[in-house]
C-alpha atoms as a PDB file:
ATOM      1  CA  UNK A   1     -30.182 142.796 117.012  1.00  0.00           C
ATOM      2  CA  UNK A   2     -26.509 142.243 116.415  1.00  0.00           C
ATOM      3  CA  UNK A   3     -23.349 141.121 118.170  1.00  0.00           C
ATOM      4  CA  UNK A   4     -20.334 143.338 118.761  1.00  0.00           C
ATOM      5  CA  UNK A   5     -17.003 141.748 119.662  1.00  0.00           C
ATOM      6  CA  UNK A   6     -14.253 143.823 121.278  1.00  0.00           C
ATOM      7  CA  UNK A   7     -10.603 143.060 121.835  1.00  0.00           C
ATOM      8  CA  UNK A   8      -7.605 144.782 123.387  1.00  0.00           C
ATOM      9  CA  UNK A   9      -4.780 145.891 121.095  1.00  0.00           C
ATOM     10  CA  UNK A  10      -1.514 146.411 122.951  1.00  0.00           C
ATOM     11  CA  UNK A  11       0.797 149.346 122.345  1.00  0.00           C
ATOM     12  CA  UNK A  12       3.257 149.391 119.463  1.00  0.00           C
ATOM     13  CA  UNK A  13       6.238 151.612 118.727  1.00  0.00           C
ATOM     14  CA  UNK A  14       3.920 154.159 117.102  1.00  0.00           C
ATOM     15  CA  UNK A  15       0.501 153.689 118.744  1.00  0.00           C
ATOM     16  CA  UNK A  16      -0.749 153.428 122.294  1.00  0.00           C
ATOM     17  CA  UNK A  17      -3.124 150.785 123.648  1.00  0.00           C
ATOM     18  CA  UNK A  18      -6.477 150.570 121.887  1.00  0.00           C
ATOM     19  CA  UNK A  19      -9.754 148.656 121.881  1.00  0.00           C
ATOM     20  CA  UNK A  20     -11.193 147.401 118.584  1.00  0.00           C
ATOM     21  CA  UNK A  21     -14.929 146.753 118.244  1.00  0.00           C
ATOM     22  CA  UNK A  22     -16.199 144.682 115.302  1.00  0.00           C
ATOM     23  CA  UNK A  23     -19.751 144.062 114.086  1.00  0.00           C
ATOM     24  CA  UNK A  24     -21.496 143.203 110.812  1.00  0.00           C
ATOM     25  CA  UNK A  25     -21.347 146.931 109.963  1.00  0.00           C
ATOM     26  CA  UNK A  26     -17.557 147.190 110.174  1.00  0.00           C
ATOM     27  CA  UNK A  27     -15.134 148.058 112.937  1.00  0.00           C
ATOM     28  CA  UNK A  28     -14.079 150.974 115.124  1.00  0.00           C
ATOM     29  CA  UNK A  29     -10.853 151.380 117.088  1.00  0.00           C
ATOM     30  CA  UNK A  30     -10.716 153.705 120.105  1.00  0.00           C
ATOM     31  CA  UNK A  31      -7.819 154.814 122.282  1.00  0.00           C
ATOM     32  CA  UNK A  32      -7.575 153.068 125.655  1.00  0.00           C
ATOM     33  CA  UNK A  33      -8.679 155.433 128.431  1.00  0.00           C
ATOM     34  CA  UNK A  34      -6.633 154.666 131.558  1.00  0.00           C
ATOM     35  CA  UNK A  35      -9.192 156.519 133.724  1.00  0.00           C
ATOM     36  CA  UNK A  36     -11.653 153.663 132.996  1.00  0.00           C
ATOM     37  CA  UNK A  37     -11.497 149.994 133.924  1.00  0.00           C
ATOM     38  CA  UNK A  38     -11.225 147.284 131.291  1.00  0.00           C
ATOM     39  CA  UNK A  39     -14.962 146.615 130.911  1.00  0.00           C
ATOM     40  CA  UNK A  40     -15.792 150.301 130.516  1.00  0.00           C
ATOM     41  CA  UNK A  41     -13.056 150.733 127.888  1.00  0.00           C
ATOM     42  CA  UNK A  42     -14.571 147.856 125.917  1.00  0.00           C
ATOM     43  CA  UNK A  43     -18.042 149.336 126.461  1.00  0.00           C
ATOM     44  CA  UNK A  44     -16.822 152.688 125.091  1.00  0.00           C
ATOM     45  CA  UNK A  45     -15.643 150.937 121.918  1.00  0.00           C
ATOM     46  CA  UNK A  46     -18.982 149.126 121.585  1.00  0.00           C
ATOM     47  CA  UNK A  47     -20.827 152.419 122.103  1.00  0.00           C
ATOM     48  CA  UNK A  48     -18.637 154.018 119.417  1.00  0.00           C
ATOM     49  CA  UNK A  49     -19.577 151.392 116.838  1.00  0.00           C
ATOM     50  CA  UNK A  50     -23.266 151.796 117.767  1.00  0.00           C
ATOM     51  CA  UNK A  51     -22.935 155.559 117.290  1.00  0.00           C
ATOM     52  CA  UNK A  52     -21.416 155.009 113.845  1.00  0.00           C
ATOM     53  CA  UNK A  53     -24.567 153.073 112.866  1.00  0.00           C
ATOM     54  CA  UNK A  54     -26.945 155.744 114.195  1.00  0.00           C
ATOM     55  CA  UNK A  55     -28.297 157.023 117.483  1.00  0.00           C
ATOM     56  CA  UNK A  56     -31.005 154.358 117.551  1.00  0.00           C
ATOM     57  CA  UNK A  57     -28.601 151.455 118.311  1.00  0.00           C
ATOM     58  CA  UNK A  58     -28.186 150.692 122.028  1.00  0.00           C
ATOM     59  CA  UNK A  59     -26.183 148.104 123.994  1.00  0.00           C
ATOM     60  CA  UNK A  60     -28.525 145.748 125.862  1.00  0.00           C
ATOM     61  CA  UNK A  61     -26.196 143.027 127.220  1.00  0.00           C
ATOM     62  CA  UNK A  62     -22.521 142.193 127.649  1.00  0.00           C
ATOM     63  CA  UNK A  63     -20.300 139.298 128.701  1.00  0.00           C
ATOM     64  CA  UNK A  64     -16.610 138.453 128.694  1.00  0.00           C
ATOM     65  CA  UNK A  65     -15.323 136.155 125.993  1.00  0.00           C
ATOM     66  CA  UNK A  66     -14.424 132.603 127.085  1.00  0.00           C
ATOM     67  CA  UNK A  67     -10.757 133.090 126.171  1.00  0.00           C
ATOM     68  CA  UNK A  68     -10.567 136.269 128.286  1.00  0.00           C
ATOM     69  CA  UNK A  69      -9.335 138.340 125.364  1.00  0.00           C
ATOM     70  CA  UNK A  70     -12.307 140.673 125.029  1.00  0.00           C
ATOM     71  CA  UNK A  71     -16.029 141.116 125.430  1.00  0.00           C
ATOM     72  CA  UNK A  72     -19.190 140.410 123.476  1.00  0.00           C
ATOM     73  CA  UNK A  73     -21.992 142.951 123.449  1.00  0.00           C
ATOM     74  CA  UNK A  74     -25.506 142.655 122.087  1.00  0.00           C
ATOM     75  CA  UNK A  75     -27.080 145.741 120.586  1.00  0.00           C
ATOM     76  CA  UNK A  76     -30.542 146.376 119.276  1.00  0.00           C
ATOM     77  CA  UNK A  77     -32.275 148.974 117.195  1.00  0.00           C
ATOM     78  CA  UNK A  78     -34.504 151.150 119.393  1.00  0.00           C
ATOM     79  CA  UNK A  79     -36.117 154.031 117.472  1.00  0.00           C
ATOM     80  CA  UNK A  80     -37.902 155.381 120.584  1.00  0.00           C
END
């Protein structure tokens, strides 16, 4: 089991809005999808970092961070 923390990265002069997901295995940054709501954009980033670790990692729980600046996800290894 591991924790994944996500946070919103606002647009710059050269890049659009993004979501960054960080775990013990590294980090992944995905483009913000305006067709999704905030939670599902953060979930997509968490799913992307799970996919980078292998198909066996799945998100099992999520919650917003106390400071309101992102989300925390819990993932676990599920080989079945």
